[in-house]
Amino acid sequence: MDSHVRDCMVADGCIIEGEVEDSILFRGVKIKKGAKVKHCVLMQGTTIQAGAVLKYAITDKNVRVNPGRMLMGHSTYPLSIAKNEIV
């Protein structure tokens, strides 16, 4: 397995196959292989598909980020994604 997790709070039911750093993951979050998540808060049921990159993002419940997407906010202005969105 190629997963990597550092300095995170991870709830039960999460599946992490990619890389996650300095983030908070709520129940049932899925990080697919090759995905990178840094400085994010991902609410329940969020799925980050393979090859996607998120930095300084906050997702509401049941968000799906499609493969290969790159979404970046800033430490003083994080990107927020609304409930049930597909990006």
Protein backbone atom coordinates (compact mmCIF):
# COMPACT_ATOMS: atom_id res chain seq x y z
CA MET A 1 0.00 0.00 0.00
CA ASP A 2 1.28 3.47 -0.90
CA SER A 3 -0.72 5.54 1.59
CA HIS A 4 0.89 8.21 3.76
CA VAL A 5 -0.76 10.05 6.67
CA ARG A 6 0.91 12.70 8.84
CA ASP A 7 -0.44 15.02 11.56
CA CYS A 8 -4.12 14.28 10.94
CA MET A 9 -7.31 13.62 12.84
CA VAL A 10 -9.10 10.73 11.15
CA ALA A 11 -12.56 9.44 12.11
CA ASP A 12 -13.68 5.84 11.83
CA GLY A 13 -14.64 4.42 8.46
CA CYS A 14 -12.11 6.41 6.43
CA ILE A 15 -10.26 4.71 3.60
CA ILE A 16 -6.92 6.32 2.77
CA GLU A 17 -4.97 5.03 -0.21
CA GLY A 18 -3.25 8.34 -1.10
CA GLU A 19 -1.42 11.04 0.89
CA VAL A 20 -2.94 13.17 3.66
CA GLU A 21 -1.12 15.77 5.76
CA ASP A 22 -2.23 18.31 8.38
CA SER A 23 -5.91 17.59 7.79
CA ILE A 24 -9.13 16.58 9.53
CA LEU A 25 -11.19 13.75 8.00
CA PHE A 26 -14.73 13.05 9.18
CA ARG A 27 -16.48 9.65 8.98
CA GLY A 28 -16.45 7.74 5.72
CA VAL A 29 -13.99 9.92 3.80
CA LYS A 30 -12.23 8.15 0.93
CA ILE A 31 -8.86 9.24 -0.44
CA LYS A 32 -8.08 7.19 -3.55
CA LYS A 33 -4.64 6.07 -4.71
CA GLY A 34 -2.46 8.91 -5.98
CA ALA A 35 -4.62 11.66 -4.41
CA LYS A 36 -2.93 14.31 -2.24
CA VAL A 37 -4.68 16.25 0.52
CA LYS A 38 -2.94 18.93 2.61
CA HIS A 39 -4.33 21.41 5.16
CA CYS A 40 -7.94 20.39 4.54
CA VAL A 41 -11.13 19.65 6.44
CA LEU A 42 -13.18 16.96 4.68
CA MET A 43 -16.67 16.33 6.01
CA GLN A 44 -18.54 13.03 6.11
CA GLY A 45 -18.78 11.01 2.90
CA THR A 46 -16.32 13.07 0.85
CA THR A 47 -14.45 11.15 -1.86
CA ILE A 48 -11.22 12.38 -3.42
CA GLN A 49 -10.60 10.44 -6.63
CA ALA A 50 -7.24 9.18 -7.93
CA GLY A 51 -4.69 11.83 -8.83
CA ALA A 52 -6.66 14.76 -7.39
CA VAL A 53 -4.84 17.39 -5.33
CA LEU A 54 -6.48 19.50 -2.59
CA LYS A 55 -4.76 22.16 -0.51
CA TYR A 56 -6.44 24.49 1.98
CA ALA A 57 -9.94 23.22 1.16
CA ILE A 58 -13.07 22.59 3.22
CA THR A 59 -15.69 20.21 1.85
CA ASP A 60 -19.21 19.80 3.13
CA LYS A 61 -20.90 16.36 3.25
CA ASN A 62 -20.86 13.97 0.29
CA VAL A 63 -18.58 15.97 -2.00
CA ARG A 64 -16.81 14.15 -4.82
CA VAL A 65 -13.62 15.52 -6.39
CA ASN A 66 -13.05 13.91 -9.79
CA PRO A 67 -9.77 12.31 -10.88
CA GLY A 68 -6.91 14.64 -11.72
CA ARG A 69 -8.50 17.84 -10.35
CA MET A 70 -6.32 20.39 -8.58
CA LEU A 71 -8.13 22.63 -6.07
CA MET A 72 -6.20 25.08 -3.93
CA GLY A 73 -7.17 27.77 -1.51
CA HIS A 74 -4.82 29.74 0.72
CA SER A 75 -4.15 29.54 4.45
CA THR A 76 -5.96 32.86 4.95
CA TYR A 77 -8.74 32.13 2.42
CA PRO A 78 -9.55 28.41 2.12
CA LEU A 79 -11.60 27.06 -0.75
CA SER A 80 -15.01 25.77 0.33
CA ILE A 81 -17.11 23.24 -1.57
CA ALA A 82 -20.85 22.95 -0.91
CA LYS A 83 -22.78 19.84 0.11
CA ASN A 84 -23.27 17.10 -2.53
CA GLU A 85 -21.15 18.90 -5.16
CA ILE A 86 -19.16 17.05 -7.82
CA VAL A 87 -16.05 18.95 -8.84
